[in-house]
């Protein structure tokens, strides 16, 4: 069983930055991809970004492209989400997930963290 623990959420003003971290208890051979999703109140969980463990391929939702950056530190089994130029509409609970395919589909991810709250004030 892989445990994923997110951290780094908080309250920030619009235009500000935050960096989220996701620490995995261990890397599973079957989890080739790490991703970030988010869920705003009253909305469905949506894809934000993902990358392969090799780091060679990254995938972003159009809504965050150019503002967010996903990266990983394999030695620490940790994935990061650098969020810049934050907007009030970025307010959500952000979840880390591990899966096998580089996709924006939730059901493709096998393991999930408990989430970390990000709030962006206008």
PDB file of N, CA and C in Angstrom:
ATOM      1  N   UNK A   1       0.842  -1.184   0.000  1.00  0.00           N
ATOM      2  CA  UNK A   1       0.000   0.000   0.000  1.00  0.00           C
ATOM      3  C   UNK A   1       0.884   1.242   0.000  1.00  0.00           C
ATOM      4  N   UNK A   2       0.591   2.152  -0.889  1.00  0.00           N
ATOM      5  CA  UNK A   2       1.332   3.407  -0.976  1.00  0.00           C
ATOM      6  C   UNK A   2       0.543   4.488  -0.262  1.00  0.00           C
ATOM      7  N   UNK A   3       1.205   5.210   0.590  1.00  0.00           N
ATOM      8  CA  UNK A   3       0.569   6.358   1.242  1.00  0.00           C
ATOM      9  C   UNK A   3       1.113   7.636   0.641  1.00  0.00           C
ATOM     10  N   UNK A   4       0.212   8.552   0.355  1.00  0.00           N
ATOM     11  CA  UNK A   4       0.583   9.845  -0.203  1.00  0.00           C
ATOM     12  C   UNK A   4       0.155  10.927   0.768  1.00  0.00           C
ATOM     13  N   UNK A   5       1.064  11.817   1.104  1.00  0.00           N
ATOM     14  CA  UNK A   5       0.783  12.872   2.059  1.00  0.00           C
ATOM     15  C   UNK A   5       1.109  14.222   1.432  1.00  0.00           C
ATOM     16  N   UNK A   6       0.079  15.044   1.276  1.00  0.00           N
ATOM     17  CA  UNK A   6       0.263  16.379   0.716  1.00  0.00           C
ATOM     18  C   UNK A   6       0.550  17.392   1.821  1.00  0.00           C
ATOM     19  N   UNK A   7       1.245  18.439   1.443  1.00  0.00           N
ATOM     20  CA  UNK A   7       1.484  19.561   2.351  1.00  0.00           C
ATOM     21  C   UNK A   7       1.732  20.812   1.517  1.00  0.00           C
ATOM     22  N   UNK A   8       1.704  21.965   2.184  1.00  0.00           N
ATOM     23  CA  UNK A   8       2.037  23.204   1.511  1.00  0.00           C
ATOM     24  C   UNK A   8       0.866  24.100   1.173  1.00  0.00           C
ATOM     25  N   UNK A   9      -0.351  23.635   1.441  1.00  0.00           N
ATOM     26  CA  UNK A   9      -1.505  24.474   1.162  1.00  0.00           C
ATOM     27  C   UNK A   9      -1.588  25.638   2.121  1.00  0.00           C
ATOM     28  N   UNK A  10      -2.492  26.563   1.822  1.00  0.00           N
ATOM     29  CA  UNK A  10      -2.662  27.720   2.692  1.00  0.00           C
ATOM     30  C   UNK A  10      -3.474  28.798   2.023  1.00  0.00           C
ATOM     31  N   UNK A  11      -3.452  29.963   2.637  1.00  0.00           N
ATOM     32  CA  UNK A  11      -4.188  31.125   2.122  1.00  0.00           C
ATOM     33  C   UNK A  11      -3.185  32.089   1.489  1.00  0.00           C
ATOM     34  N   UNK A  12      -3.491  32.534   0.285  1.00  0.00           N
ATOM     35  CA  UNK A  12      -2.597  33.441  -0.430  1.00  0.00           C
ATOM     36  C   UNK A  12      -3.434  34.456  -1.204  1.00  0.00           C
ATOM     37  N   UNK A  13      -2.896  35.617  -1.430  1.00  0.00           N
ATOM     38  CA  UNK A  13      -3.599  36.625  -2.217  1.00  0.00           C
ATOM     39  C   UNK A  13      -3.457  36.325  -3.712  1.00  0.00           C
ATOM     40  N   UNK A  14      -4.398  36.815  -4.465  1.00  0.00           N
ATOM     41  CA  UNK A  14      -4.334  36.643  -5.919  1.00  0.00           C
ATOM     42  C   UNK A  14      -3.012  37.205  -6.449  1.00  0.00           C
ATOM     43  N   UNK A  15      -2.420  36.457  -7.365  1.00  0.00           N
ATOM     44  CA  UNK A  15      -1.123  36.840  -7.899  1.00  0.00           C
ATOM     45  C   UNK A  15       0.050  36.229  -7.159  1.00  0.00           C
ATOM     46  N   UNK A  16      -0.238  35.635  -6.024  1.00  0.00           N
ATOM     47  CA  UNK A  16       0.810  35.032  -5.212  1.00  0.00           C
ATOM     48  C   UNK A  16       1.162  33.625  -5.658  1.00  0.00           C
ATOM     49  N   UNK A  17       2.037  32.986  -4.877  1.00  0.00           N
ATOM     50  CA  UNK A  17       2.536  31.652  -5.214  1.00  0.00           C
ATOM     51  C   UNK A  17       2.469  30.726  -4.007  1.00  0.00           C
ATOM     52  N   UNK A  18       2.360  29.451  -4.300  1.00  0.00           N
ATOM     53  CA  UNK A  18       2.448  28.394  -3.296  1.00  0.00           C
ATOM     54  C   UNK A  18       3.134  27.199  -3.932  1.00  0.00           C
ATOM     55  N   UNK A  19       3.808  26.407  -3.116  1.00  0.00           N
ATOM     56  CA  UNK A  19       4.364  25.154  -3.595  1.00  0.00           C
ATOM     57  C   UNK A  19       3.815  24.010  -2.765  1.00  0.00           C
ATOM     58  N   UNK A  20       3.129  23.103  -3.421  1.00  0.00           N
ATOM     59  CA  UNK A  20       2.600  21.915  -2.766  1.00  0.00           C
ATOM     60  C   UNK A  20       3.605  20.778  -2.898  1.00  0.00           C
ATOM     61  N   UNK A  21       3.630  19.932  -1.872  1.00  0.00           N
ATOM     62  CA  UNK A  21       4.485  18.753  -1.883  1.00  0.00           C
ATOM     63  C   UNK A  21       3.638  17.513  -1.661  1.00  0.00           C
ATOM     64  N   UNK A  22       4.064  16.414  -2.250  1.00  0.00           N
ATOM     65  CA  UNK A  22       3.397  15.132  -2.056  1.00  0.00           C
ATOM     66  C   UNK A  22       4.476  14.091  -1.801  1.00  0.00           C
ATOM     67  N   UNK A  23       4.511  13.583  -0.585  1.00  0.00           N
ATOM     68  CA  UNK A  23       5.499  12.584  -0.216  1.00  0.00           C
ATOM     69  C   UNK A  23       4.864  11.204  -0.272  1.00  0.00           C
ATOM     70  N   UNK A  24       5.494  10.302  -1.018  1.00  0.00           N
ATOM     71  CA  UNK A  24       5.016   8.926  -1.125  1.00  0.00           C
ATOM     72  C   UNK A  24       5.804   8.052  -0.156  1.00  0.00           C
ATOM     73  N   UNK A  25       5.088   7.131   0.492  1.00  0.00           N
ATOM     74  CA  UNK A  25       5.751   6.251   1.471  1.00  0.00           C
ATOM     75  C   UNK A  25       6.776   5.374   0.796  1.00  0.00           C
ATOM     76  N   UNK A  26       6.492   5.041  -0.479  1.00  0.00           N
ATOM     77  CA  UNK A  26       7.455   4.282  -1.279  1.00  0.00           C
ATOM     78  C   UNK A  26       6.983   4.354  -2.720  1.00  0.00           C
ATOM     79  N   UNK A  27       7.869   4.041  -3.594  1.00  0.00           N
ATOM     80  CA  UNK A  27       7.463   4.037  -4.989  1.00  0.00           C
ATOM     81  C   UNK A  27       7.057   2.630  -5.374  1.00  0.00           C
ATOM     82  N   UNK A  28       5.912   2.494  -5.989  1.00  0.00           N
ATOM     83  CA  UNK A  28       5.474   1.185  -6.442  1.00  0.00           C
ATOM     84  C   UNK A  28       5.893   1.000  -7.903  1.00  0.00           C
ATOM     85  N   UNK A  29       6.218  -0.223  -8.244  1.00  0.00           N
ATOM     86  CA  UNK A  29       6.625  -0.485  -9.612  1.00  0.00           C
ATOM     87  C   UNK A  29       5.500  -0.208 -10.594  1.00  0.00           C
ATOM     88  N   UNK A  30       4.274  -0.304 -10.123  1.00  0.00           N
ATOM     89  CA  UNK A  30       3.138  -0.134 -11.030  1.00  0.00           C
ATOM     90  C   UNK A  30       2.696   1.314 -11.144  1.00  0.00           C
ATOM     91  N   UNK A  31       3.208   2.176 -10.294  1.00  0.00           N
ATOM     92  CA  UNK A  31       2.790   3.584 -10.327  1.00  0.00           C
ATOM     93  C   UNK A  31       3.836   4.374 -11.089  1.00  0.00           C
ATOM     94  N   UNK A  32       3.618   4.500 -12.375  1.00  0.00           N
ATOM     95  CA  UNK A  32       4.582   5.191 -13.221  1.00  0.00           C
ATOM     96  C   UNK A  32       4.340   6.681 -13.311  1.00  0.00           C
ATOM     97  N   UNK A  33       3.185   7.086 -12.855  1.00  0.00           N
ATOM     98  CA  UNK A  33       2.771   8.473 -13.019  1.00  0.00           C
ATOM     99  C   UNK A  33       2.324   9.056 -11.686  1.00  0.00           C
ATOM    100  N   UNK A  34       2.658  10.305 -11.465  1.00  0.00           N
ATOM    101  CA  UNK A  34       2.164  11.056 -10.319  1.00  0.00           C
ATOM    102  C   UNK A  34       1.393  12.256 -10.844  1.00  0.00           C
ATOM    103  N   UNK A  35       0.268  12.528 -10.198  1.00  0.00           N
ATOM    104  CA  UNK A  35      -0.554  13.627 -10.671  1.00  0.00           C
ATOM    105  C   UNK A  35      -1.124  14.460  -9.544  1.00  0.00           C
ATOM    106  N   UNK A  36      -1.614  15.633  -9.923  1.00  0.00           N
ATOM    107  CA  UNK A  36      -2.332  16.517  -9.010  1.00  0.00           C
ATOM    108  C   UNK A  36      -3.725  16.769  -9.576  1.00  0.00           C
ATOM    109  N   UNK A  37      -4.686  16.701  -8.686  1.00  0.00           N
ATOM    110  CA  UNK A  37      -6.069  17.023  -9.005  1.00  0.00           C
ATOM    111  C   UNK A  37      -6.549  18.056  -7.984  1.00  0.00           C
ATOM    112  N   UNK A  38      -7.692  18.662  -8.257  1.00  0.00           N
ATOM    113  CA  UNK A  38      -8.264  19.606  -7.298  1.00  0.00           C
ATOM    114  C   UNK A  38      -9.773  19.525  -7.339  1.00  0.00           C
ATOM    115  N   UNK A  39     -10.369  19.904  -6.205  1.00  0.00           N
ATOM    116  CA  UNK A  39     -11.820  19.899  -6.106  1.00  0.00           C
ATOM    117  C   UNK A  39     -12.280  21.132  -5.360  1.00  0.00           C
ATOM    118  N   UNK A  40     -13.024  21.965  -6.056  1.00  0.00           N
ATOM    119  CA  UNK A  40     -13.591  23.169  -5.458  1.00  0.00           C
ATOM    120  C   UNK A  40     -14.956  22.830  -4.858  1.00  0.00           C
ATOM    121  N   UNK A  41     -15.427  23.608  -3.901  1.00  0.00           N
ATOM    122  CA  UNK A  41     -16.732  23.333  -3.281  1.00  0.00           C
ATOM    123  C   UNK A  41     -17.838  23.261  -4.322  1.00  0.00           C
ATOM    124  N   UNK A  42     -18.614  22.185  -4.266  1.00  0.00           N
ATOM    125  CA  UNK A  42     -19.739  22.029  -5.167  1.00  0.00           C
ATOM    126  C   UNK A  42     -19.379  21.605  -6.577  1.00  0.00           C
ATOM    127  N   UNK A  43     -18.101  21.322  -6.801  1.00  0.00           N
ATOM    128  CA  UNK A  43     -17.668  20.928  -8.145  1.00  0.00           C
ATOM    129  C   UNK A  43     -17.024  19.552  -8.124  1.00  0.00           C
ATOM    130  N   UNK A  44     -16.901  18.959  -9.297  1.00  0.00           N
ATOM    131  CA  UNK A  44     -16.257  17.664  -9.402  1.00  0.00           C
ATOM    132  C   UNK A  44     -14.741  17.825  -9.327  1.00  0.00           C
ATOM    133  N   UNK A  45     -14.097  16.758  -8.925  1.00  0.00           N
ATOM    134  CA  UNK A  45     -12.638  16.760  -8.894  1.00  0.00           C
ATOM    135  C   UNK A  45     -12.113  16.836 -10.326  1.00  0.00           C
ATOM    136  N   UNK A  46     -11.100  17.693 -10.530  1.00  0.00           N
ATOM    137  CA  UNK A  46     -10.587  17.879 -11.872  1.00  0.00           C
ATOM    138  C   UNK A  46      -9.070  17.743 -11.919  1.00  0.00           C
ATOM    139  N   UNK A  47      -8.590  17.381 -13.072  1.00  0.00           N
ATOM    140  CA  UNK A  47      -7.163  17.196 -13.308  1.00  0.00           C
ATOM    141  C   UNK A  47      -6.449  18.537 -13.320  1.00  0.00           C
ATOM    142  N   UNK A  48      -5.232  18.538 -12.773  1.00  0.00           N
ATOM    143  CA  UNK A  48      -4.394  19.743 -12.787  1.00  0.00           C
ATOM    144  C   UNK A  48      -3.109  19.490 -13.577  1.00  0.00           C
ATOM    145  N   UNK A  49      -2.354  18.478 -13.168  1.00  0.00           N
ATOM    146  CA  UNK A  49      -1.068  18.210 -13.820  1.00  0.00           C
ATOM    147  C   UNK A  49      -0.612  16.803 -13.474  1.00  0.00           C
ATOM    148  N   UNK A  50       0.273  16.260 -14.311  1.00  0.00           N
ATOM    149  CA  UNK A  50       0.831  14.940 -14.043  1.00  0.00           C
ATOM    150  C   UNK A  50       2.176  14.818 -14.732  1.00  0.00           C
ATOM    151  N   UNK A  51       2.988  13.884 -14.226  1.00  0.00           N
ATOM    152  CA  UNK A  51       4.258  13.611 -14.892  1.00  0.00           C
ATOM    153  C   UNK A  51       4.656  12.164 -14.643  1.00  0.00           C
ATOM    154  N   UNK A  52       5.508  11.666 -15.535  1.00  0.00           N
ATOM    155  CA  UNK A  52       6.040  10.324 -15.351  1.00  0.00           C
ATOM    156  C   UNK A  52       7.156  10.366 -14.313  1.00  0.00           C
ATOM    157  N   UNK A  53       7.456   9.235 -13.712  1.00  0.00           N
ATOM    158  CA  UNK A  53       8.506   9.208 -12.704  1.00  0.00           C
ATOM    159  C   UNK A  53       9.868   9.562 -13.308  1.00  0.00           C
ATOM    160  N   UNK A  54      10.038   9.300 -14.581  1.00  0.00           N
ATOM    161  CA  UNK A  54      11.290   9.690 -15.229  1.00  0.00           C
ATOM    162  C   UNK A  54      11.376  11.202 -15.393  1.00  0.00           C
ATOM    163  N   UNK A  55      10.222  11.860 -15.327  1.00  0.00           N
ATOM    164  CA  UNK A  55      10.193  13.305 -15.498  1.00  0.00           C
ATOM    165  C   UNK A  55      10.246  13.762 -16.935  1.00  0.00           C
ATOM    166  N   UNK A  56      10.289  12.829 -17.856  1.00  0.00           N
ATOM    167  CA  UNK A  56      10.463  13.186 -19.260  1.00  0.00           C
ATOM    168  C   UNK A  56       9.196  13.727 -19.898  1.00  0.00           C
ATOM    169  N   UNK A  57       8.055  13.396 -19.332  1.00  0.00           N
ATOM    170  CA  UNK A  57       6.784  13.828 -19.913  1.00  0.00           C
ATOM    171  C   UNK A  57       5.910  14.454 -18.840  1.00  0.00           C
ATOM    172  N   UNK A  58       5.388  15.636 -19.150  1.00  0.00           N
ATOM    173  CA  UNK A  58       4.498  16.355 -18.245  1.00  0.00           C
ATOM    174  C   UNK A  58       3.236  16.740 -18.996  1.00  0.00           C
ATOM    175  N   UNK A  59       2.175  16.850 -18.240  1.00  0.00           N
ATOM    176  CA  UNK A  59       0.857  17.090 -18.831  1.00  0.00           C
ATOM    177  C   UNK A  59       0.108  18.042 -17.914  1.00  0.00           C
ATOM    178  N   UNK A  60      -0.444  19.112 -18.499  1.00  0.00           N
ATOM    179  CA  UNK A  60      -1.126  20.135 -17.714  1.00  0.00           C
ATOM    180  C   UNK A  60      -2.539  20.378 -18.233  1.00  0.00           C
ATOM    181  N   UNK A  61      -3.414  20.717 -17.321  1.00  0.00           N
ATOM    182  CA  UNK A  61      -4.723  21.212 -17.727  1.00  0.00           C
ATOM    183  C   UNK A  61      -4.542  22.591 -18.348  1.00  0.00           C
ATOM    184  N   UNK A  62      -5.378  22.910 -19.311  1.00  0.00           N
ATOM    185  CA  UNK A  62      -5.267  24.205 -19.984  1.00  0.00           C
ATOM    186  C   UNK A  62      -5.404  25.371 -19.004  1.00  0.00           C
ATOM    187  N   UNK A  63      -6.196  25.172 -17.970  1.00  0.00           N
ATOM    188  CA  UNK A  63      -6.472  26.262 -17.027  1.00  0.00           C
ATOM    189  C   UNK A  63      -5.252  26.652 -16.196  1.00  0.00           C
ATOM    190  N   UNK A  64      -4.244  25.786 -16.110  1.00  0.00           N
ATOM    191  CA  UNK A  64      -3.071  26.083 -15.292  1.00  0.00           C
ATOM    192  C   UNK A  64      -1.790  26.176 -16.113  1.00  0.00           C
ATOM    193  N   UNK A  65      -1.870  25.884 -17.382  1.00  0.00           N
ATOM    194  CA  UNK A  65      -0.685  25.870 -18.237  1.00  0.00           C
ATOM    195  C   UNK A  65      -0.031  27.257 -18.234  1.00  0.00           C
ATOM    196  N   UNK A  66       1.271  27.271 -18.024  1.00  0.00           N
ATOM    197  CA  UNK A  66       2.000  28.534 -17.980  1.00  0.00           C
ATOM    198  C   UNK A  66       2.060  29.152 -16.599  1.00  0.00           C
ATOM    199  N   UNK A  67       1.247  28.676 -15.670  1.00  0.00           N
ATOM    200  CA  UNK A  67       1.247  29.213 -14.299  1.00  0.00           C
ATOM    201  C   UNK A  67       1.729  28.179 -13.278  1.00  0.00           C
ATOM    202  N   UNK A  68       1.404  26.927 -13.503  1.00  0.00           N
ATOM    203  CA  UNK A  68       1.778  25.851 -12.583  1.00  0.00           C
ATOM    204  C   UNK A  68       2.883  25.011 -13.207  1.00  0.00           C
ATOM    205  N   UNK A  69       3.709  24.404 -12.347  1.00  0.00           N
ATOM    206  CA  UNK A  69       4.766  23.522 -12.819  1.00  0.00           C
ATOM    207  C   UNK A  69       4.863  22.319 -11.891  1.00  0.00           C
ATOM    208  N   UNK A  70       4.869  21.133 -12.473  1.00  0.00           N
ATOM    209  CA  UNK A  70       4.994  19.903 -11.700  1.00  0.00           C
ATOM    210  C   UNK A  70       6.424  19.404 -11.832  1.00  0.00           C
ATOM    211  N   UNK A  71       6.944  18.898 -10.731  1.00  0.00           N
ATOM    212  CA  UNK A  71       8.316  18.393 -10.724  1.00  0.00           C
ATOM    213  C   UNK A  71       8.412  17.268  -9.698  1.00  0.00           C
ATOM    214  N   UNK A  72       9.503  16.521  -9.775  1.00  0.00           N
ATOM    215  CA  UNK A  72       9.658  15.418  -8.830  1.00  0.00           C
ATOM    216  C   UNK A  72      11.092  15.305  -8.350  1.00  0.00           C
ATOM    217  N   UNK A  73      11.234  14.705  -7.178  1.00  0.00           N
ATOM    218  CA  UNK A  73      12.543  14.369  -6.624  1.00  0.00           C
ATOM    219  C   UNK A  73      12.484  12.871  -6.324  1.00  0.00           C
ATOM    220  N   UNK A  74      13.011  12.070  -7.206  1.00  0.00           N
ATOM    221  CA  UNK A  74      12.895  10.627  -7.057  1.00  0.00           C
ATOM    222  C   UNK A  74      13.595  10.114  -5.810  1.00  0.00           C
ATOM    223  N   UNK A  75      14.679  10.737  -5.449  1.00  0.00           N
ATOM    224  CA  UNK A  75      15.420  10.293  -4.269  1.00  0.00           C
ATOM    225  C   UNK A  75      14.586  10.432  -3.005  1.00  0.00           C
ATOM    226  N   UNK A  76      13.674  11.395  -3.022  1.00  0.00           N
ATOM    227  CA  UNK A  76      12.815  11.639  -1.852  1.00  0.00           C
ATOM    228  C   UNK A  76      11.411  11.086  -2.062  1.00  0.00           C
ATOM    229  N   UNK A  77      11.155  10.455  -3.204  1.00  0.00           N
ATOM    230  CA  UNK A  77       9.801   9.981  -3.526  1.00  0.00           C
ATOM    231  C   UNK A  77       8.781  11.109  -3.337  1.00  0.00           C
ATOM    232  N   UNK A  78       9.112  12.269  -3.810  1.00  0.00           N
ATOM    233  CA  UNK A  78       8.275  13.446  -3.590  1.00  0.00           C
ATOM    234  C   UNK A  78       7.995  14.142  -4.912  1.00  0.00           C
ATOM    235  N   UNK A  79       6.760  14.576  -5.058  1.00  0.00           N
ATOM    236  CA  UNK A  79       6.340  15.350  -6.224  1.00  0.00           C
ATOM    237  C   UNK A  79       5.891  16.720  -5.751  1.00  0.00           C
ATOM    238  N   UNK A  80       6.195  17.730  -6.544  1.00  0.00           N
ATOM    239  CA  UNK A  80       5.870  19.112  -6.186  1.00  0.00           C
ATOM    240  C   UNK A  80       4.936  19.729  -7.227  1.00  0.00           C
ATOM    241  N   UNK A  81       4.172  20.691  -6.769  1.00  0.00           N
ATOM    242  CA  UNK A  81       3.375  21.505  -7.683  1.00  0.00           C
ATOM    243  C   UNK A  81       3.635  22.957  -7.327  1.00  0.00           C
ATOM    244  N   UNK A  82       4.401  23.626  -8.170  1.00  0.00           N
ATOM    245  CA  UNK A  82       4.663  25.052  -7.993  1.00  0.00           C
ATOM    246  C   UNK A  82       3.540  25.826  -8.655  1.00  0.00           C
ATOM    247  N   UNK A  83       2.855  26.639  -7.884  1.00  0.00           N
ATOM    248  CA  UNK A  83       1.704  27.377  -8.385  1.00  0.00           C
ATOM    249  C   UNK A  83       2.011  28.863  -8.310  1.00  0.00           C
ATOM    250  N   UNK A  84       2.055  29.504  -9.461  1.00  0.00           N
ATOM    251  CA  UNK A  84       2.332  30.936  -9.560  1.00  0.00           C
ATOM    252  C   UNK A  84       1.125  31.668 -10.142  1.00  0.00           C
ATOM    253  N   UNK A  85       1.111  32.966  -9.983  1.00  0.00           N
ATOM    254  CA  UNK A  85       0.022  33.802 -10.516  1.00  0.00           C
ATOM    255  C   UNK A  85      -1.336  33.221 -10.143  1.00  0.00           C
ATOM    256  N   UNK A  86      -1.488  32.903  -8.883  1.00  0.00           N
ATOM    257  CA  UNK A  86      -2.720  32.261  -8.435  1.00  0.00           C
ATOM    258  C   UNK A  86      -3.917  33.175  -8.576  1.00  0.00           C
ATOM    259  N   UNK A  87      -5.055  32.559  -8.881  1.00  0.00           N
ATOM    260  CA  UNK A  87      -6.314  33.273  -9.076  1.00  0.00           C
ATOM    261  C   UNK A  87      -7.334  32.745  -8.065  1.00  0.00           C
ATOM    262  N   UNK A  88      -8.353  33.538  -7.753  1.00  0.00           N
ATOM    263  CA  UNK A  88      -9.386  33.051  -6.831  1.00  0.00           C
ATOM    264  C   UNK A  88     -10.013  31.735  -7.304  1.00  0.00           C
ATOM    265  N   UNK A  89     -10.113  31.539  -8.610  1.00  0.00           N
ATOM    266  CA  UNK A  89     -10.702  30.298  -9.121  1.00  0.00           C
ATOM    267  C   UNK A  89      -9.807  29.074  -8.939  1.00  0.00           C
ATOM    268  N   UNK A  90      -8.586  29.279  -8.464  1.00  0.00           N
ATOM    269  CA  UNK A  90      -7.715  28.158  -8.127  1.00  0.00           C
ATOM    270  C   UNK A  90      -8.018  27.610  -6.730  1.00  0.00           C
ATOM    271  N   UNK A  91      -8.881  28.281  -6.002  1.00  0.00           N
ATOM    272  CA  UNK A  91      -9.248  27.830  -4.661  1.00  0.00           C
ATOM    273  C   UNK A  91      -9.890  26.451  -4.724  1.00  0.00           C
ATOM    274  N   UNK A  92      -9.323  25.510  -3.977  1.00  0.00           N
ATOM    275  CA  UNK A  92      -9.795  24.124  -3.993  1.00  0.00           C
ATOM    276  C   UNK A  92      -8.989  23.305  -3.004  1.00  0.00           C
ATOM    277  N   UNK A  93      -9.437  22.086  -2.789  1.00  0.00           N
ATOM    278  CA  UNK A  93      -8.606  21.097  -2.111  1.00  0.00           C
ATOM    279  C   UNK A  93      -7.798  20.391  -3.192  1.00  0.00           C
ATOM    280  N   UNK A  94      -6.497  20.349  -3.005  1.00  0.00           N
ATOM    281  CA  UNK A  94      -5.605  19.750  -3.989  1.00  0.00           C
ATOM    282  C   UNK A  94      -5.187  18.358  -3.516  1.00  0.00           C
ATOM    283  N   UNK A  95      -5.306  17.399  -4.423  1.00  0.00           N
ATOM    284  CA  UNK A  95      -5.008  16.013  -4.121  1.00  0.00           C
ATOM    285  C   UNK A  95      -3.857  15.507  -4.978  1.00  0.00           C
ATOM    286  N   UNK A  96      -3.025  14.724  -4.373  1.00  0.00           N
ATOM    287  CA  UNK A  96      -1.954  14.035  -5.065  1.00  0.00           C
ATOM    288  C   UNK A  96      -2.428  12.614  -5.371  1.00  0.00           C
ATOM    289  N   UNK A  97      -2.003  12.066  -6.506  1.00  0.00           N
ATOM    290  CA  UNK A  97      -2.426  10.727  -6.891  1.00  0.00           C
ATOM    291  C   UNK A  97      -1.302  10.005  -7.630  1.00  0.00           C
ATOM    292  N   UNK A  98      -1.336   8.675  -7.535  1.00  0.00           N
ATOM    293  CA  UNK A  98      -0.353   7.844  -8.230  1.00  0.00           C
ATOM    294  C   UNK A  98      -1.090   6.863  -9.133  1.00  0.00           C
ATOM    295  N   UNK A  99      -0.580   6.699 -10.346  1.00  0.00           N
ATOM    296  CA  UNK A  99      -1.233   5.818 -11.294  1.00  0.00           C
ATOM    297  C   UNK A  99      -0.264   5.202 -12.271  1.00  0.00           C
ATOM    298  N   UNK A 100      -0.831   4.614 -13.304  1.00  0.00           N
ATOM    299  CA  UNK A 100      -0.013   3.884 -14.267  1.00  0.00           C
ATOM    300  C   UNK A 100       0.079   4.565 -15.623  1.00  0.00           C
ATOM    301  N   UNK A 101      -0.869   5.428 -15.939  1.00  0.00           N
ATOM    302  CA  UNK A 101      -0.891   6.056 -17.256  1.00  0.00           C
ATOM    303  C   UNK A 101      -0.919   7.561 -17.116  1.00  0.00           C
ATOM    304  N   UNK A 102      -0.272   8.243 -18.025  1.00  0.00           N
ATOM    305  CA  UNK A 102      -0.279   9.704 -18.033  1.00  0.00           C
ATOM    306  C   UNK A 102      -1.593  10.154 -18.662  1.00  0.00           C
ATOM    307  N   UNK A 103      -2.535  10.448 -17.807  1.00  0.00           N
ATOM    308  CA  UNK A 103      -3.870  10.786 -18.264  1.00  0.00           C
ATOM    309  C   UNK A 103      -4.517  11.760 -17.300  1.00  0.00           C
ATOM    310  N   UNK A 104      -5.578  12.427 -17.768  1.00  0.00           N
ATOM    311  CA  UNK A 104      -6.318  13.328 -16.893  1.00  0.00           C
ATOM    312  C   UNK A 104      -7.547  12.645 -16.296  1.00  0.00           C
ATOM    313  N   UNK A 105      -7.654  11.345 -16.473  1.00  0.00           N
ATOM    314  CA  UNK A 105      -8.812  10.585 -16.002  1.00  0.00           C
ATOM    315  C   UNK A 105      -8.616  10.120 -14.568  1.00  0.00           C
ATOM    316  N   UNK A 106      -9.538  10.479 -13.693  1.00  0.00           N
ATOM    317  CA  UNK A 106      -9.414  10.162 -12.270  1.00  0.00           C
ATOM    318  C   UNK A 106      -9.297   8.657 -12.025  1.00  0.00           C
ATOM    319  N   UNK A 107     -10.096   7.874 -12.712  1.00  0.00           N
ATOM    320  CA  UNK A 107     -10.150   6.451 -12.396  1.00  0.00           C
ATOM    321  C   UNK A 107      -8.862   5.718 -12.776  1.00  0.00           C
ATOM    322  N   UNK A 108      -7.996   6.364 -13.496  1.00  0.00           N
ATOM    323  CA  UNK A 108      -6.720   5.739 -13.867  1.00  0.00           C
ATOM    324  C   UNK A 108      -5.706   5.789 -12.742  1.00  0.00           C
ATOM    325  N   UNK A 109      -6.018   6.520 -11.695  1.00  0.00           N
ATOM    326  CA  UNK A 109      -5.089   6.682 -10.578  1.00  0.00           C
ATOM    327  C   UNK A 109      -5.504   5.772  -9.427  1.00  0.00           C
ATOM    328  N   UNK A 110      -4.532   5.013  -8.909  1.00  0.00           N
ATOM    329  CA  UNK A 110      -4.820   3.969  -7.927  1.00  0.00           C
ATOM    330  C   UNK A 110      -4.737   4.453  -6.486  1.00  0.00           C
ATOM    331  N   UNK A 111      -3.882   5.416  -6.215  1.00  0.00           N
ATOM    332  CA  UNK A 111      -3.658   5.866  -4.838  1.00  0.00           C
ATOM    333  C   UNK A 111      -3.876   7.370  -4.760  1.00  0.00           C
ATOM    334  N   UNK A 112      -4.433   7.792  -3.627  1.00  0.00           N
ATOM    335  CA  UNK A 112      -4.768   9.199  -3.427  1.00  0.00           C
ATOM    336  C   UNK A 112      -4.338   9.651  -2.045  1.00  0.00           C
ATOM    337  N   UNK A 113      -3.934  10.909  -1.971  1.00  0.00           N
ATOM    338  CA  UNK A 113      -3.661  11.529  -0.683  1.00  0.00           C
ATOM    339  C   UNK A 113      -4.929  12.073  -0.070  1.00  0.00           C
ATOM    340  N   UNK A 114      -4.782  12.685   1.103  1.00  0.00           N
ATOM    341  CA  UNK A 114      -5.949  13.182   1.823  1.00  0.00           C
ATOM    342  C   UNK A 114      -6.319  14.604   1.412  1.00  0.00           C
ATOM    343  N   UNK A 115      -5.458  15.264   0.694  1.00  0.00           N
ATOM    344  CA  UNK A 115      -5.740  16.602   0.187  1.00  0.00           C
ATOM    345  C   UNK A 115      -5.178  17.708   1.062  1.00  0.00           C
ATOM    346  N   UNK A 116      -4.916  18.839   0.449  1.00  0.00           N
ATOM    347  CA  UNK A 116      -4.469  20.029   1.156  1.00  0.00           C
ATOM    348  C   UNK A 116      -5.229  21.233   0.592  1.00  0.00           C
ATOM    349  N   UNK A 117      -5.689  22.095   1.483  1.00  0.00           N
ATOM    350  CA  UNK A 117      -6.542  23.213   1.082  1.00  0.00           C
ATOM    351  C   UNK A 117      -5.706  24.373   0.569  1.00  0.00           C
ATOM    352  N   UNK A 118      -6.123  24.905  -0.572  1.00  0.00           N
ATOM    353  CA  UNK A 118      -5.536  26.124  -1.122  1.00  0.00           C
ATOM    354  C   UNK A 118      -6.659  27.144  -1.260  1.00  0.00           C
ATOM    355  N   UNK A 119      -6.466  28.314  -0.686  1.00  0.00           N
ATOM    356  CA  UNK A 119      -7.450  29.380  -0.775  1.00  0.00           C
ATOM    357  C   UNK A 119      -6.774  30.633  -1.315  1.00  0.00           C
ATOM    358  N   UNK A 120      -7.349  31.198  -2.359  1.00  0.00           N
ATOM    359  CA  UNK A 120      -6.785  32.390  -2.990  1.00  0.00           C
ATOM    360  C   UNK A 120      -7.787  33.526  -2.835  1.00  0.00           C
ATOM    361  N   UNK A 121      -7.375  34.573  -2.162  1.00  0.00           N
ATOM    362  CA  UNK A 121      -8.267  35.715  -1.935  1.00  0.00           C
ATOM    363  C   UNK A 121      -8.069  36.765  -3.024  1.00  0.00           C
ATOM    364  N   UNK A 122      -9.144  37.477  -3.321  1.00  0.00           N
ATOM    365  CA  UNK A 122      -9.078  38.492  -4.384  1.00  0.00           C
ATOM    366  C   UNK A 122      -8.680  39.841  -3.831  1.00  0.00           C
TER     367      UNK A 122
END
